[in-house]
N, C-alpha and C. Protein backbone atom coordinates (compact mmCIF):
# COMPACT_ATOMS: atom_id res chain seq x y z
N MET A 1 22.14 90.32 -83.70
CA MET A 1 22.06 89.02 -83.07
C MET A 1 22.99 88.06 -83.84
N ASN A 2 23.86 87.38 -83.11
CA ASN A 2 24.79 86.49 -83.80
C ASN A 2 24.20 85.08 -83.93
N LYS A 3 24.95 84.23 -84.60
CA LYS A 3 24.46 82.89 -84.94
C LYS A 3 24.15 82.05 -83.71
N GLN A 4 25.02 82.08 -82.70
CA GLN A 4 24.80 81.27 -81.50
C GLN A 4 23.55 81.71 -80.74
N GLU A 5 23.31 83.02 -80.70
CA GLU A 5 22.11 83.52 -80.02
C GLU A 5 20.85 83.05 -80.73
N ILE A 6 20.86 83.09 -82.05
CA ILE A 6 19.71 82.65 -82.83
C ILE A 6 19.46 81.16 -82.62
N ILE A 7 20.53 80.37 -82.62
CA ILE A 7 20.38 78.92 -82.44
C ILE A 7 19.82 78.62 -81.05
N SER A 8 20.32 79.31 -80.03
CA SER A 8 19.82 79.03 -78.67
C SER A 8 18.39 79.52 -78.49
N LYS A 9 18.02 80.59 -79.18
CA LYS A 9 16.67 81.14 -79.03
C LYS A 9 15.62 80.28 -79.74
N PHE A 10 15.90 79.83 -80.95
CA PHE A 10 14.91 79.12 -81.76
C PHE A 10 15.07 77.61 -81.76
N GLY A 11 16.17 77.10 -81.22
CA GLY A 11 16.40 75.66 -81.23
C GLY A 11 15.44 74.92 -80.31
N ARG A 12 15.14 73.69 -80.68
CA ARG A 12 14.25 72.86 -79.87
C ARG A 12 14.95 72.33 -78.63
N LYS A 13 16.28 72.12 -78.75
CA LYS A 13 17.09 71.66 -77.63
C LYS A 13 18.49 72.22 -77.80
N GLU A 14 19.36 71.92 -76.88
CA GLU A 14 20.73 72.43 -76.93
C GLU A 14 21.46 71.90 -78.16
N GLY A 15 22.07 72.79 -78.92
CA GLY A 15 22.84 72.38 -80.09
C GLY A 15 22.01 72.05 -81.32
N ASP A 16 20.74 72.40 -81.32
CA ASP A 16 19.87 72.11 -82.46
C ASP A 16 20.10 73.14 -83.56
N THR A 17 20.67 72.69 -84.67
CA THR A 17 20.91 73.62 -85.78
C THR A 17 20.14 73.22 -87.02
N GLY A 18 19.49 72.06 -87.01
CA GLY A 18 18.87 71.57 -88.23
C GLY A 18 17.37 71.73 -88.29
N SER A 19 16.73 72.11 -87.20
CA SER A 19 15.28 72.22 -87.24
C SER A 19 14.87 73.38 -88.16
N PRO A 20 13.71 73.28 -88.78
CA PRO A 20 13.28 74.33 -89.70
C PRO A 20 13.21 75.71 -89.05
N GLU A 21 12.83 75.77 -87.77
CA GLU A 21 12.73 77.06 -87.10
C GLU A 21 14.09 77.76 -87.04
N VAL A 22 15.13 77.00 -86.71
CA VAL A 22 16.47 77.58 -86.62
C VAL A 22 16.96 77.99 -88.00
N GLN A 23 16.74 77.13 -88.99
CA GLN A 23 17.19 77.45 -90.34
C GLN A 23 16.51 78.71 -90.86
N ILE A 24 15.21 78.84 -90.62
CA ILE A 24 14.48 80.02 -91.09
C ILE A 24 14.97 81.27 -90.38
N ALA A 25 15.22 81.18 -89.07
CA ALA A 25 15.71 82.33 -88.32
C ALA A 25 17.10 82.76 -88.80
N LEU A 26 17.98 81.78 -89.06
CA LEU A 26 19.31 82.11 -89.56
C LEU A 26 19.23 82.74 -90.95
N LEU A 27 18.38 82.19 -91.80
CA LEU A 27 18.23 82.77 -93.14
C LEU A 27 17.67 84.18 -93.06
N SER A 28 16.73 84.41 -92.15
CA SER A 28 16.14 85.74 -92.00
C SER A 28 17.19 86.77 -91.57
N ALA A 29 18.07 86.38 -90.66
CA ALA A 29 19.14 87.28 -90.23
C ALA A 29 20.07 87.59 -91.39
N ARG A 30 20.41 86.58 -92.15
CA ARG A 30 21.29 86.78 -93.31
C ARG A 30 20.62 87.65 -94.37
N ILE A 31 19.32 87.44 -94.59
CA ILE A 31 18.58 88.22 -95.58
C ILE A 31 18.54 89.69 -95.17
N SER A 32 18.30 89.97 -93.90
CA SER A 32 18.26 91.37 -93.47
C SER A 32 19.64 92.02 -93.60
N TYR A 33 20.70 91.26 -93.30
CA TYR A 33 22.05 91.80 -93.46
C TYR A 33 22.34 92.13 -94.92
N LEU A 34 22.01 91.21 -95.83
CA LEU A 34 22.28 91.44 -97.24
C LEU A 34 21.41 92.55 -97.80
N THR A 35 20.20 92.71 -97.30
CA THR A 35 19.33 93.80 -97.74
C THR A 35 19.96 95.15 -97.40
N GLU A 36 20.50 95.26 -96.19
CA GLU A 36 21.19 96.50 -95.81
C GLU A 36 22.43 96.72 -96.67
N HIS A 37 23.16 95.65 -96.97
CA HIS A 37 24.34 95.76 -97.82
C HIS A 37 23.96 96.30 -99.20
N LEU A 38 22.85 95.80 -99.74
CA LEU A 38 22.45 96.22 -101.08
C LEU A 38 21.94 97.66 -101.11
N LYS A 39 21.49 98.18 -99.98
CA LYS A 39 21.11 99.59 -99.93
C LYS A 39 22.34 100.47 -100.09
N GLN A 40 23.47 100.00 -99.55
CA GLN A 40 24.72 100.75 -99.67
C GLN A 40 25.40 100.53 -101.02
N HIS A 41 25.22 99.33 -101.61
CA HIS A 41 25.90 98.95 -102.85
C HIS A 41 24.86 98.45 -103.86
N PRO A 42 24.12 99.35 -104.48
CA PRO A 42 23.00 98.92 -105.33
C PRO A 42 23.41 98.17 -106.60
N LYS A 43 24.66 98.28 -107.03
CA LYS A 43 25.07 97.61 -108.27
C LYS A 43 25.73 96.26 -108.03
N ASP A 44 25.71 95.78 -106.79
CA ASP A 44 26.33 94.50 -106.44
C ASP A 44 25.38 93.36 -106.82
N ASN A 45 25.45 92.96 -108.08
CA ASN A 45 24.50 91.97 -108.59
C ASN A 45 24.80 90.56 -108.11
N HIS A 46 26.04 90.25 -107.78
CA HIS A 46 26.36 88.92 -107.25
C HIS A 46 25.66 88.72 -105.90
N THR A 47 25.69 89.74 -105.08
CA THR A 47 25.02 89.66 -103.78
C THR A 47 23.51 89.58 -103.97
N ARG A 48 23.00 90.32 -104.94
CA ARG A 48 21.55 90.30 -105.20
C ARG A 48 21.09 88.89 -105.58
N LEU A 49 21.86 88.20 -106.39
CA LEU A 49 21.52 86.83 -106.78
C LEU A 49 21.53 85.90 -105.56
N GLY A 50 22.55 86.05 -104.72
CA GLY A 50 22.61 85.25 -103.51
C GLY A 50 21.44 85.53 -102.59
N LEU A 51 21.04 86.80 -102.50
CA LEU A 51 19.90 87.17 -101.67
C LEU A 51 18.61 86.53 -102.19
N LEU A 52 18.42 86.54 -103.48
CA LEU A 52 17.22 85.92 -104.06
C LEU A 52 17.19 84.42 -103.80
N LYS A 53 18.34 83.77 -103.84
CA LYS A 53 18.40 82.33 -103.54
C LYS A 53 18.05 82.07 -102.08
N LEU A 54 18.54 82.92 -101.18
CA LEU A 54 18.24 82.76 -99.76
C LEU A 54 16.75 82.96 -99.49
N VAL A 55 16.15 83.95 -100.15
CA VAL A 55 14.72 84.21 -99.98
C VAL A 55 13.91 83.00 -100.46
N GLY A 56 14.31 82.40 -101.58
CA GLY A 56 13.62 81.22 -102.09
C GLY A 56 13.74 80.04 -101.15
N LYS A 57 14.92 79.86 -100.58
CA LYS A 57 15.12 78.75 -99.65
C LYS A 57 14.28 78.95 -98.39
N ARG A 58 14.24 80.19 -97.88
CA ARG A 58 13.42 80.46 -96.70
C ARG A 58 11.94 80.24 -97.01
N LYS A 59 11.52 80.60 -98.20
CA LYS A 59 10.12 80.40 -98.59
C LYS A 59 9.76 78.92 -98.61
N ARG A 60 10.67 78.09 -99.14
CA ARG A 60 10.42 76.64 -99.16
C ARG A 60 10.37 76.06 -97.75
N LEU A 61 11.27 76.51 -96.88
CA LEU A 61 11.27 76.02 -95.50
C LEU A 61 10.00 76.46 -94.77
N LEU A 62 9.54 77.68 -95.02
CA LEU A 62 8.30 78.14 -94.41
C LEU A 62 7.11 77.31 -94.89
N ALA A 63 7.09 76.99 -96.16
CA ALA A 63 6.00 76.16 -96.69
C ALA A 63 6.01 74.78 -96.04
N TYR A 64 7.20 74.21 -95.84
CA TYR A 64 7.32 72.91 -95.18
C TYR A 64 6.81 73.00 -93.75
N LEU A 65 7.23 74.03 -93.05
CA LEU A 65 6.81 74.19 -91.65
C LEU A 65 5.30 74.41 -91.55
N GLU A 66 4.74 75.13 -92.50
CA GLU A 66 3.29 75.35 -92.51
C GLU A 66 2.53 74.03 -92.70
N ARG A 67 3.06 73.16 -93.56
CA ARG A 67 2.42 71.85 -93.79
C ARG A 67 2.51 70.95 -92.58
N THR A 68 3.66 70.99 -91.89
CA THR A 68 3.90 70.01 -90.84
C THR A 68 3.44 70.49 -89.46
N ASP A 69 3.61 71.78 -89.15
CA ASP A 69 3.26 72.28 -87.81
C ASP A 69 2.79 73.72 -87.91
N LEU A 70 1.49 73.89 -88.06
CA LEU A 70 0.91 75.21 -88.31
C LEU A 70 1.13 76.17 -87.15
N GLU A 71 1.05 75.68 -85.93
CA GLU A 71 1.22 76.56 -84.76
C GLU A 71 2.64 77.13 -84.69
N LYS A 72 3.65 76.28 -84.90
CA LYS A 72 5.03 76.77 -84.90
C LYS A 72 5.27 77.74 -86.05
N PHE A 73 4.63 77.45 -87.20
CA PHE A 73 4.74 78.33 -88.36
C PHE A 73 4.23 79.73 -88.03
N ARG A 74 3.05 79.80 -87.44
CA ARG A 74 2.46 81.11 -87.10
C ARG A 74 3.28 81.85 -86.05
N ALA A 75 3.74 81.11 -85.05
CA ALA A 75 4.54 81.74 -83.99
C ALA A 75 5.87 82.28 -84.54
N LEU A 76 6.49 81.50 -85.43
CA LEU A 76 7.78 81.92 -86.00
C LEU A 76 7.60 83.13 -86.90
N LYS A 77 6.55 83.15 -87.71
CA LYS A 77 6.31 84.31 -88.58
C LYS A 77 6.06 85.56 -87.75
N LYS A 78 5.34 85.41 -86.67
CA LYS A 78 5.07 86.56 -85.80
C LYS A 78 6.35 87.05 -85.14
N GLU A 79 7.15 86.12 -84.64
CA GLU A 79 8.38 86.48 -83.94
C GLU A 79 9.40 87.16 -84.87
N LEU A 80 9.51 86.64 -86.09
CA LEU A 80 10.50 87.19 -87.03
C LEU A 80 9.94 88.33 -87.87
N LYS A 81 8.65 88.61 -87.71
CA LYS A 81 7.98 89.69 -88.47
C LYS A 81 8.11 89.47 -89.97
N ILE A 82 7.78 88.23 -90.39
CA ILE A 82 7.79 87.88 -91.81
C ILE A 82 6.37 87.96 -92.31
N ARG A 83 6.17 88.56 -93.47
CA ARG A 83 4.83 88.64 -94.03
C ARG A 83 4.43 87.34 -94.66
């Protein structure tokens, strides 16, 4: 799934790129891509550091979304299959 598809699927309106739902979905796509990359290149520590930063950022955004809108938080976690 490319960036435009993710934005149109999770955005609140046309061209919405800043809402927490879109940001979390984009980060999740990037995290899954980097996870696959690290399976092929296990010694790529620069990528591993970037992946850990992305995971932390997604965790903070999820915490924000949980505080502000619990229903959207639950729906997004279910849709993206995030534990």
